[in-house]
Amino acid sequence: MKKKVWFVTGASKGLGLSLVKRLLQEGYAVAATSRNIKELQQEVGASTENFLPLQMDLLSEESVRLAIEKTIEKFRTLDVVVNNAGYGLAGAIEELSDRKTRGNFDVNVFGLLNVIRVAMPHLRRQQSGHIFNIASIAGFTGAFPGFGIYCATKFAVHGLSESLAEEVKPFNVKVTIVSPGYFRTKFLESGSLSVPKNEIKDYKTVREIQSLHQNDYNGNQQGDPDKAADAMINVAESTDNVLHLFLGPDAYQFAEQKMLSVKKDLEAVRVIGTSTSFA
């Protein structure tokens, strides 16, 4: 059976890098993008028969269009799109400027949308394909003080992906939302996690959580990114439609806690909440 052609954004580090390396090991054709192509080539290697490294500006539709065109020109098709590029933003909502907030949305949400808009015409014409949108468990539960804006961007990814899945179903295109828990990548390091410039001292809980992530969790995450990559490849090759892919025991725990909490609230005010129809 012919191996699928994958297009992976944010591939020079983290889950994206692990996925690209694993795909190449398994004999897939891979186009991988990064803002820094030298870093990508250092981590993976130069262009080969099965590998196409690409420098791409996620916020430029023209740059995205050129990257996808080069992918199809080299591999003749495009089967799996992985929207992995993104970064974390820490800080209380009150602390974060409009510029900081919009910047996080620009990359985590609008950059992802740029890729989808460019890729979909190709997938629609060939009547097949699979889009993986890398969200986070923080896009399913917002119970992370100090990460409200980051949560908001990943909640947006969840919502738009669920709608996208229904829109593209007639074209035999699948959509999977990937919601990892804590994985041992560089996500919590300064290059991937932005923090507020002007901290407000009253937010003691936020500072504690921020410090835990930067100093205690960083480097000690239980999740193995190579195993996360294997899970994604398995889902891509499966005949089942998997819309929600939670990765890691911690992600499952957080998700189950959120669903129990919502169910509890539903039942607590069921009479009031369902008494709003016209008599």
Foldseek 3Di string as FASTA:
>chain_A
DDAAEEEEEPQLWDLNVLLVVVCVVVPAAYEYEDCDQVSNCVSRHDDDLRYHYAYADLLDLVRLLVSVVVSCVRVVAHAEYELDDAFFEFAAPVQDDPVRLVVRLSRLPVSVVSNCVNPVVRLLVVLHHEYEREAALLLQDVPQGRRNSSSVSSVNVLVVQVVVQVVCVVSHYAYAYEHEYQAQICRLPPVGYHYGPDHDVVPPVSVVSNCCSNPPSHRVTPHYSNVVSVVVVVQSPDPDRHHYHYHDPVSVVSNVVVVVVVVVVCVVCVVVVPPPDDD
